[in-house]
Amino acid sequence: MGARRSLGRRFGWLWAAYGVSALGTRLAFDAFPLIAVLVLHAGPTEVSLLAAAGLAAGAAVAVPLGPWVEFRPKRPVMIAMDLVRCAALLTVPAAYALGLLGFVQLLVVSVVVAAADITFNAAAGACLKALVRPADLLAANARFESTTWTTTVLGPPLGGAATGLFGPVPTVLADAVSYLLSAAGLRAIGGGEPRPARTGAPRLGAADVLEGWRHLLAHPSLRPLFFNTVLVNGLIMATQPLLTVLLLGRLGFAPWQYGLAFAVPCLGGLTGSRLSGPLVARFGQRTVLFTTGVLRVCWLPGLAFVPPGTGGLVLVMAVELGLITCMGVFTPVFAAYRLAHTPPDRVVRTLSAWSVTGKATVAALTALWGLLAGLFGLRAAIALAGLLSLATPLLLPRHGHAPRHEPEVAGSGG
């Protein structure tokens, strides 16, 4: 695969900040659903509502923030969003210690964190594009993807063990501290960051808010990819609260088993992200994007047939391994492709529009699947999501268009 080349000191600090916050997030893997189930004794409908309402309201709050961030230096925004997430999450262990933690507070914190997530990630995409050369976008995104899966391998088992010993609330505290460390890493990047020049009207208007969606829907390659990824992610995420209830509630998995079931398969994501560059170099970006986009949706139906005991644990691991390996290849290629096809002065608004739509879709599908689970049962609802996902490859772009504003992203190793 070749020696890994340096992308520079400033990228290194951005990568380190991402890594520490990703580890904190994985330590707190599904912490809010776990708190809802284990502390507040919520059922599947309430757990789905928690996931859906936080995402939907957070997406609505984030809509006007995209154009606001577009014309401001990105790193101060990212630092501010880290501090907001840290402060919001700290209220959960504080309320728990005082005996005041309730379902409404979890909803409010979910909203704040979701809005900050969208804003941070949109600014981070623009920051990354400014820090590395276009030819290095795939390598940079592959390193982020490798970090995601590495922390997912390590975090959930550790978080599951901590949950088994101390309950799920301390993992939320760890997540809050990780955002504080991420803010420190972003500050260490240093160097000047010019204020983006604004063209057109001096004040933000409705056109600025809608510009990201306008770009996505008008672009012949991004439009089908947009619809595909939003729907696939929505169907996958809609099953997560149901799986939490099925595995922890109905099948009696221990928290450490639950964490292990989703952690070990992430080795496939780490492998996939490492293979993304060599595969693109050999077969081409569009071929890899389409092939892995098809393969990643073939696994979800298997989760409807999880039995109790060791056999169930093995089946979950096998299904997640196949799904995550394909995603490990697909995601960095997709992320680099999306950045390459987006002009620099529209990156934040485009990524915000993508993220807002994705989170709103996840929220709507999660709420709907919670109702379906209440009406027809957990397994039937999970099976339906899996069957619908099999049709999503019809939305993948089959013919690519080279970006007009910069060259095709080169295939390079992570």
Protein backbone atom coordinates (compact mmCIF):
# COMPACT_ATOMS: atom_id res chain seq x y z
CA MET A 1 0.00 0.00 0.00
CA GLY A 2 3.00 2.27 0.13
CA ALA A 3 4.42 4.58 2.73
CA ARG A 4 2.03 7.04 4.26
CA ARG A 5 3.02 10.59 3.35
CA SER A 6 2.72 13.55 5.66
CA LEU A 7 -0.15 15.97 5.12
CA GLY A 8 1.44 18.65 7.29
CA ARG A 9 1.54 19.70 10.94
CA ARG A 10 -1.71 21.66 10.78
CA PHE A 11 -3.60 18.69 9.39
CA GLY A 12 -2.02 16.62 12.16
CA TRP A 13 -3.61 18.80 14.84
CA LEU A 14 -6.98 18.67 13.06
CA TRP A 15 -6.68 14.89 12.89
CA ALA A 16 -5.71 14.67 16.58
CA ALA A 17 -8.68 16.84 17.59
CA TYR A 18 -10.99 14.63 15.56
CA GLY A 19 -9.49 11.48 17.09
CA VAL A 20 -9.95 12.52 20.72
CA SER A 21 -13.55 13.64 20.20
CA ALA A 22 -14.32 10.47 18.22
CA LEU A 23 -12.98 8.33 21.07
CA GLY A 24 -15.15 10.19 23.58
CA THR A 25 -18.19 9.73 21.38
CA ARG A 26 -17.53 6.00 21.01
CA LEU A 27 -17.03 5.57 24.74
CA ALA A 28 -20.52 7.03 25.08
CA PHE A 29 -21.86 4.80 22.30
CA ASP A 30 -25.70 4.93 22.46
CA ALA A 31 -25.42 6.49 25.92
CA PHE A 32 -28.74 8.31 25.73
CA PRO A 33 -30.76 5.25 24.63
CA LEU A 34 -28.98 3.25 27.33
CA ILE A 35 -29.84 5.89 29.95
CA ALA A 36 -33.43 5.89 28.71
CA VAL A 37 -33.67 2.09 28.94
CA LEU A 38 -31.57 1.35 32.03
CA VAL A 39 -32.14 4.48 34.15
CA LEU A 40 -35.50 5.88 33.05
CA HIS A 41 -36.99 2.47 32.03
CA ALA A 42 -38.25 3.76 28.67
CA GLY A 43 -39.83 1.52 26.03
CA PRO A 44 -39.14 1.30 22.26
CA THR A 45 -41.46 4.17 21.34
CA GLU A 46 -39.85 6.54 23.86
CA VAL A 47 -36.33 5.51 22.85
CA SER A 48 -37.16 6.12 19.19
CA LEU A 49 -38.74 9.47 20.10
CA LEU A 50 -35.58 10.48 21.95
CA ALA A 51 -33.43 9.74 18.91
CA ALA A 52 -35.87 11.31 16.44
CA ALA A 53 -36.83 14.49 18.29
CA GLY A 54 -33.25 15.44 19.10
CA LEU A 55 -32.16 15.04 15.49
CA ALA A 56 -35.18 16.80 13.99
CA ALA A 57 -35.04 19.83 16.28
CA GLY A 58 -31.25 19.99 16.03
CA ALA A 59 -31.46 19.98 12.24
CA ALA A 60 -34.04 22.80 12.30
CA VAL A 61 -31.82 24.89 14.58
CA ALA A 62 -28.81 24.29 12.32
CA VAL A 63 -30.50 25.40 9.06
CA PRO A 64 -29.68 29.15 9.35
CA LEU A 65 -26.23 28.44 10.82
CA GLY A 66 -24.80 27.11 7.53
CA PRO A 67 -24.75 30.41 5.61
CA TRP A 68 -23.70 32.24 8.77
CA VAL A 69 -20.65 29.98 9.12
CA GLU A 70 -19.81 30.10 5.39
CA PHE A 71 -18.47 33.64 5.57
CA ARG A 72 -16.61 33.36 8.86
CA PRO A 73 -13.29 31.77 9.83
CA LYS A 74 -13.99 28.09 10.39
CA ARG A 75 -11.76 27.12 13.31
CA PRO A 76 -13.28 29.57 15.84
CA VAL A 77 -16.71 28.18 14.93
CA MET A 78 -15.48 24.62 15.41
CA ILE A 79 -13.98 25.48 18.80
CA ALA A 80 -17.22 27.17 19.88
CA MET A 81 -19.26 24.11 18.84
CA ASP A 82 -16.93 21.84 20.82
CA LEU A 83 -17.43 23.98 23.92
CA VAL A 84 -21.21 24.06 23.43
CA ARG A 85 -21.34 20.26 23.19
CA CYS A 86 -19.12 19.92 26.26
CA ALA A 87 -21.33 22.23 28.34
CA ALA A 88 -24.57 20.56 27.23
CA LEU A 89 -23.33 17.06 27.98
CA LEU A 90 -22.00 18.05 31.41
CA THR A 91 -25.57 18.84 32.52
CA VAL A 92 -26.47 15.12 32.28
CA PRO A 93 -24.10 13.73 34.95
CA ALA A 94 -24.76 16.84 37.05
CA ALA A 95 -28.53 16.27 36.99
CA TYR A 96 -28.07 12.54 37.61
CA ALA A 97 -25.91 13.21 40.67
CA LEU A 98 -28.61 15.53 42.04
CA GLY A 99 -31.40 13.03 41.33
CA LEU A 100 -33.01 15.40 38.79
CA LEU A 101 -32.32 13.63 35.48
CA GLY A 102 -35.42 13.20 33.33
CA PHE A 103 -36.52 12.39 29.82
CA VAL A 104 -37.11 16.05 28.87
CA GLN A 105 -33.55 16.99 29.74
CA LEU A 106 -32.21 14.21 27.53
CA LEU A 107 -34.33 15.60 24.69
CA VAL A 108 -33.02 19.15 25.17
CA VAL A 109 -29.39 18.03 25.32
CA SER A 110 -29.94 15.91 22.21
CA VAL A 111 -31.21 18.97 20.34
CA VAL A 112 -28.24 21.13 21.36
CA VAL A 113 -25.68 18.45 20.54
CA ALA A 114 -27.30 17.63 17.18
CA ALA A 115 -27.30 21.30 16.09
CA ALA A 116 -23.69 21.73 17.19
CA ASP A 117 -22.71 18.50 15.39
CA ILE A 118 -24.13 19.73 12.08
CA THR A 119 -22.48 23.12 12.38
CA PHE A 120 -19.12 21.67 13.45
CA ASN A 121 -19.01 19.06 10.67
CA ALA A 122 -19.88 21.58 7.96
CA ALA A 123 -17.16 23.96 9.16
CA ALA A 124 -14.72 21.04 9.45
CA GLY A 125 -15.26 20.07 5.82
CA ALA A 126 -14.39 23.58 4.69
CA CYS A 127 -11.42 23.64 7.06
CA LEU A 128 -10.11 20.35 5.69
CA LYS A 129 -10.47 21.50 2.10
CA ALA A 130 -8.42 24.60 2.91
CA LEU A 131 -5.68 22.66 4.76
CA VAL A 132 -4.87 19.96 2.17
CA ARG A 133 -4.35 19.83 -1.58
CA PRO A 134 -7.22 18.50 -3.77
CA ALA A 135 -5.12 15.43 -4.62
CA ASP A 136 -4.81 14.66 -0.88
CA LEU A 137 -8.53 14.81 -0.05
CA LEU A 138 -9.00 11.04 -0.31
CA ALA A 139 -5.94 10.35 1.84
CA ALA A 140 -7.13 12.84 4.47
CA ASN A 141 -10.66 11.46 4.53
CA ALA A 142 -9.31 7.89 4.67
CA ARG A 143 -7.33 8.81 7.79
CA PHE A 144 -10.43 10.26 9.42
CA GLU A 145 -12.36 7.12 8.47
CA SER A 146 -9.61 4.88 9.88
CA THR A 147 -9.72 6.87 13.09
CA THR A 148 -13.51 6.54 13.25
CA TRP A 149 -13.36 2.77 13.05
CA THR A 150 -10.33 2.44 15.35
CA THR A 151 -12.11 4.41 18.07
CA THR A 152 -15.26 2.41 17.42
CA VAL A 153 -13.35 -0.82 17.99
CA LEU A 154 -11.92 0.48 21.26
CA GLY A 155 -14.67 2.74 22.57
CA PRO A 156 -17.86 0.64 22.83
CA PRO A 157 -16.25 -2.29 24.72
CA LEU A 158 -14.62 0.14 27.14
CA GLY A 159 -17.83 2.13 27.38
CA GLY A 160 -19.85 -1.06 27.79
CA ALA A 161 -17.56 -2.21 30.60
CA ALA A 162 -17.82 1.21 32.26
CA THR A 163 -21.59 1.09 31.87
CA GLY A 164 -21.69 -2.35 33.47
CA LEU A 165 -19.62 -1.12 36.43
CA PHE A 166 -20.86 2.45 36.90
CA GLY A 167 -23.93 2.87 34.69
CA PRO A 168 -24.15 4.81 31.39
CA VAL A 169 -23.92 8.34 32.84
CA PRO A 170 -20.10 8.43 33.42
CA THR A 171 -19.53 7.75 29.71
CA VAL A 172 -21.39 10.99 28.95
CA LEU A 173 -18.90 12.80 31.19
CA ALA A 174 -16.03 11.26 29.20
CA ASP A 175 -17.66 12.45 25.96
CA ALA A 176 -17.93 15.99 27.35
CA VAL A 177 -14.25 16.06 28.32
CA SER A 178 -13.27 14.80 24.85
CA TYR A 179 -14.89 17.87 23.26
CA LEU A 180 -12.87 20.10 25.57
CA LEU A 181 -9.67 18.37 24.45
CA SER A 182 -10.76 18.66 20.82
CA ALA A 183 -11.16 22.42 21.23
CA ALA A 184 -7.61 22.60 22.58
CA GLY A 185 -6.30 20.63 19.59
CA LEU A 186 -8.07 22.92 17.13
CA ARG A 187 -6.57 25.96 18.83
CA ALA A 188 -3.11 24.39 18.47
CA ILE A 189 -3.45 24.33 14.65
CA GLY A 190 -2.33 27.95 14.66
CA GLY A 191 -1.64 30.03 11.59
CA GLY A 192 -3.82 32.67 10.06
CA GLU A 193 -7.23 31.98 8.67
CA PRO A 194 -8.49 34.74 6.37
CA ARG A 195 -12.11 35.80 6.69
CA PRO A 196 -13.92 34.44 3.63
CA ALA A 197 -14.90 37.16 1.18
CA ARG A 198 -18.61 37.54 0.66
CA THR A 199 -19.97 38.17 -2.81
CA GLY A 200 -23.45 39.49 -3.50
CA ALA A 201 -25.75 40.93 -0.87
CA PRO A 202 -24.02 42.10 2.34
CA ARG A 203 -26.60 40.44 4.57
CA LEU A 204 -27.77 36.86 4.80
CA GLY A 205 -31.09 36.07 3.21
CA ALA A 206 -33.30 33.15 2.27
CA ALA A 207 -31.19 32.53 -0.85
CA ASP A 208 -28.13 31.86 1.33
CA VAL A 209 -30.03 29.37 3.47
CA LEU A 210 -31.21 27.48 0.37
CA GLU A 211 -27.97 27.69 -1.64
CA GLY A 212 -26.65 24.34 -0.38
CA TRP A 213 -29.79 22.47 -1.45
CA ARG A 214 -29.81 24.36 -4.76
CA HIS A 215 -26.27 23.21 -5.51
CA LEU A 216 -27.02 19.60 -4.57
CA LEU A 217 -30.23 19.33 -6.55
CA ALA A 218 -28.74 20.97 -9.65
CA HIS A 219 -25.56 18.87 -9.72
CA PRO A 220 -25.95 15.77 -11.94
CA SER A 221 -23.61 13.59 -9.86
CA LEU A 222 -24.21 14.88 -6.34
CA ARG A 223 -28.01 14.79 -6.63
CA PRO A 224 -28.42 10.96 -6.86
CA LEU A 225 -25.60 10.44 -4.34
CA PHE A 226 -27.36 12.84 -1.97
CA PHE A 227 -30.64 10.96 -2.12
CA ASN A 228 -28.92 7.58 -1.84
CA THR A 229 -26.78 8.34 1.21
CA VAL A 230 -29.56 10.16 3.05
CA LEU A 231 -31.97 7.25 2.60
CA VAL A 232 -29.43 4.49 3.35
CA ASN A 233 -28.19 6.21 6.51
CA GLY A 234 -31.76 6.92 7.57
CA LEU A 235 -32.80 3.27 7.25
CA ILE A 236 -29.69 2.03 9.07
CA MET A 237 -30.04 4.53 11.92
CA ALA A 238 -33.80 3.95 12.26
CA THR A 239 -33.06 0.38 13.33
CA GLN A 240 -30.53 1.33 16.02
CA PRO A 241 -32.98 2.18 18.85
CA LEU A 242 -34.95 -0.95 17.98
CA LEU A 243 -31.79 -3.05 18.15
CA THR A 244 -30.97 -1.50 21.51
CA VAL A 245 -34.33 -2.59 22.90
CA LEU A 246 -34.18 -5.99 21.18
CA LEU A 247 -30.68 -6.89 22.34
CA LEU A 248 -30.69 -5.37 25.83
CA GLY A 249 -34.37 -5.81 26.63
CA ARG A 250 -35.88 -8.76 24.79
CA LEU A 251 -32.80 -10.92 24.31
CA GLY A 252 -31.10 -10.05 27.59
CA PHE A 253 -27.65 -9.13 26.29
CA ALA A 254 -25.35 -7.62 28.92
CA PRO A 255 -24.05 -4.08 28.20
CA TRP A 256 -20.55 -5.42 27.52
CA GLN A 257 -21.95 -7.90 25.00
CA TYR A 258 -23.91 -5.12 23.32
CA GLY A 259 -20.75 -3.02 23.02
CA LEU A 260 -18.72 -5.99 21.78
CA ALA A 261 -21.31 -6.84 19.13
CA PHE A 262 -20.82 -3.46 17.46
CA ALA A 263 -17.12 -2.94 18.24
CA VAL A 264 -15.41 -6.05 16.83
CA PRO A 265 -16.97 -5.64 13.32
CA CYS A 266 -15.46 -2.17 13.15
CA LEU A 267 -12.15 -3.83 12.34
CA GLY A 268 -13.75 -4.24 8.92
CA GLY A 269 -14.26 -0.49 8.72
CA LEU A 270 -10.61 0.09 9.57
CA THR A 271 -9.59 -2.38 6.86
CA GLY A 272 -11.98 -0.85 4.34
CA SER A 273 -10.74 2.69 4.93
CA ARG A 274 -7.15 1.52 4.43
CA LEU A 275 -8.14 -0.14 1.15
CA SER A 276 -10.08 2.82 -0.25
CA GLY A 277 -7.06 4.58 -1.77
CA PRO A 278 -5.51 1.49 -3.45
CA LEU A 279 -8.93 0.44 -4.79
CA VAL A 280 -9.54 3.89 -6.29
CA ALA A 281 -6.04 3.88 -7.80
CA ARG A 282 -6.73 0.51 -9.45
CA PHE A 283 -10.41 0.68 -10.45
CA GLY A 284 -11.25 4.39 -10.47
CA GLN A 285 -13.21 6.56 -8.08
CA ARG A 286 -16.65 6.17 -9.67
CA THR A 287 -16.41 2.37 -9.98
CA VAL A 288 -15.45 1.98 -6.31
CA LEU A 289 -18.16 4.43 -5.26
CA PHE A 290 -20.89 2.55 -7.13
CA THR A 291 -19.74 -0.99 -6.24
CA THR A 292 -19.35 -0.40 -2.51
CA GLY A 293 -22.53 1.68 -2.52
CA VAL A 294 -24.39 -1.42 -3.71
CA LEU A 295 -22.61 -3.88 -1.44
CA ARG A 296 -23.15 -1.87 1.76
CA VAL A 297 -26.94 -2.34 1.70
CA CYS A 298 -26.99 -6.14 1.38
CA TRP A 299 -26.54 -6.84 5.09
CA LEU A 300 -29.25 -5.02 7.04
CA PRO A 301 -32.07 -7.63 6.59
CA GLY A 302 -30.01 -10.15 8.60
CA LEU A 303 -30.49 -8.18 11.82
CA ALA A 304 -34.16 -9.17 11.91
CA PHE A 305 -33.21 -12.79 12.62
CA VAL A 306 -30.94 -12.38 15.67
CA PRO A 307 -31.54 -15.26 18.15
CA PRO A 308 -30.69 -15.15 21.87
CA GLY A 309 -27.38 -16.32 23.28
CA THR A 310 -24.01 -16.78 21.61
CA GLY A 311 -25.55 -17.46 18.21
CA GLY A 312 -27.25 -14.05 18.27
CA LEU A 313 -24.02 -12.32 19.24
CA VAL A 314 -22.16 -14.03 16.37
CA LEU A 315 -24.89 -13.16 13.85
CA VAL A 316 -24.89 -9.48 14.82
CA MET A 317 -21.10 -9.38 14.48
CA ALA A 318 -21.18 -11.07 11.06
CA VAL A 319 -23.85 -8.73 9.67
CA GLU A 320 -22.16 -5.64 11.07
CA LEU A 321 -18.76 -6.80 9.76
CA GLY A 322 -20.05 -7.00 6.18
CA LEU A 323 -21.91 -3.71 6.42
CA ILE A 324 -19.08 -1.79 8.07
CA THR A 325 -16.34 -3.10 5.76
CA CYS A 326 -18.25 -1.83 2.74
CA MET A 327 -18.93 1.48 4.48
CA GLY A 328 -15.25 1.78 5.37
CA VAL A 329 -14.37 1.83 1.68
CA PHE A 330 -17.38 3.86 0.54
CA THR A 331 -17.30 6.72 3.04
CA PRO A 332 -13.87 8.31 2.41
CA VAL A 333 -14.32 7.95 -1.36
CA PHE A 334 -17.74 9.56 -1.10
CA ALA A 335 -16.49 12.36 1.18
CA ALA A 336 -13.59 13.22 -1.14
CA TYR A 337 -15.88 13.06 -4.19
CA ARG A 338 -18.38 15.42 -2.55
CA LEU A 339 -15.71 17.97 -1.59
CA ALA A 340 -14.13 17.84 -5.05
CA HIS A 341 -17.50 18.60 -6.68
CA THR A 342 -18.31 21.54 -4.39
CA PRO A 343 -16.89 25.05 -5.00
CA PRO A 344 -14.94 26.46 -2.03
CA ASP A 345 -17.45 29.26 -1.42
CA ARG A 346 -20.32 26.75 -1.05
CA VAL A 347 -18.73 24.01 1.04
CA VAL A 348 -20.30 24.94 4.40
CA ARG A 349 -23.78 25.52 2.99
CA THR A 350 -23.64 22.33 0.93
CA LEU A 351 -22.42 20.18 3.83
CA SER A 352 -24.95 21.84 6.15
CA ALA A 353 -27.78 21.13 3.72
CA TRP A 354 -26.62 17.53 3.37
CA SER A 355 -26.31 17.05 7.11
CA VAL A 356 -29.59 18.78 7.96
CA THR A 357 -31.44 16.66 5.40
CA GLY A 358 -29.73 13.53 6.65
CA LYS A 359 -30.53 14.17 10.29
CA ALA A 360 -34.12 15.18 9.51
CA THR A 361 -34.53 11.99 7.49
CA VAL A 362 -33.04 9.89 10.28
CA ALA A 363 -35.39 11.61 12.73
CA ALA A 364 -38.47 11.00 10.60
CA LEU A 365 -37.60 7.37 9.85
CA THR A 366 -36.62 6.67 13.46
CA ALA A 367 -39.96 8.02 14.69
CA LEU A 368 -41.83 6.07 12.01
CA TRP A 369 -39.95 2.85 12.76
CA GLY A 370 -40.64 3.29 16.45
CA LEU A 371 -44.35 3.37 15.64
CA LEU A 372 -44.01 0.38 13.31
CA ALA A 373 -42.22 -1.55 16.04
CA GLY A 374 -45.04 -0.74 18.45
CA LEU A 375 -47.64 -1.92 15.94
CA PHE A 376 -45.98 -4.94 14.32
CA GLY A 377 -43.04 -5.85 16.56
CA LEU A 378 -39.32 -5.12 16.64
CA ARG A 379 -38.24 -7.83 14.21
CA ALA A 380 -40.84 -6.93 11.59
CA ALA A 381 -39.81 -3.27 11.67
CA ILE A 382 -36.09 -4.14 11.34
CA ALA A 383 -36.83 -6.53 8.47
CA LEU A 384 -38.80 -3.84 6.61
CA ALA A 385 -35.88 -1.40 6.88
CA GLY A 386 -33.56 -4.07 5.50
CA LEU A 387 -35.81 -4.87 2.54
CA LEU A 388 -36.24 -1.20 1.62
CA SER A 389 -32.49 -0.65 1.76
CA LEU A 390 -32.04 -3.23 -1.02
CA ALA A 391 -33.73 -0.82 -3.45
CA THR A 392 -31.48 2.16 -2.68
CA PRO A 393 -28.70 1.32 -5.21
CA LEU A 394 -31.14 2.51 -7.89
CA LEU A 395 -30.35 6.03 -6.64
CA LEU A 396 -26.57 5.75 -7.02
CA PRO A 397 -24.96 7.84 -9.80
CA ARG A 398 -23.88 5.60 -12.65
CA HIS A 399 -22.08 8.22 -14.71
CA GLY A 400 -19.80 10.77 -13.08
CA HIS A 401 -19.01 14.34 -14.07
CA ALA A 402 -15.58 15.85 -13.45
CA PRO A 403 -15.65 18.88 -11.16
CA ARG A 404 -15.29 22.14 -13.07
CA HIS A 405 -13.45 24.09 -10.40
CA GLU A 406 -10.63 21.66 -9.57
CA PRO A 407 -9.09 18.38 -10.79
CA GLU A 408 -10.32 14.84 -10.16
CA VAL A 409 -9.30 13.59 -6.71
CA ALA A 410 -6.36 11.23 -6.95
CA GLY A 411 -6.43 7.77 -5.46
CA SER A 412 -4.00 7.68 -2.56
CA GLY A 413 -3.54 5.50 0.46
CA GLY A 414 -4.88 6.32 3.89
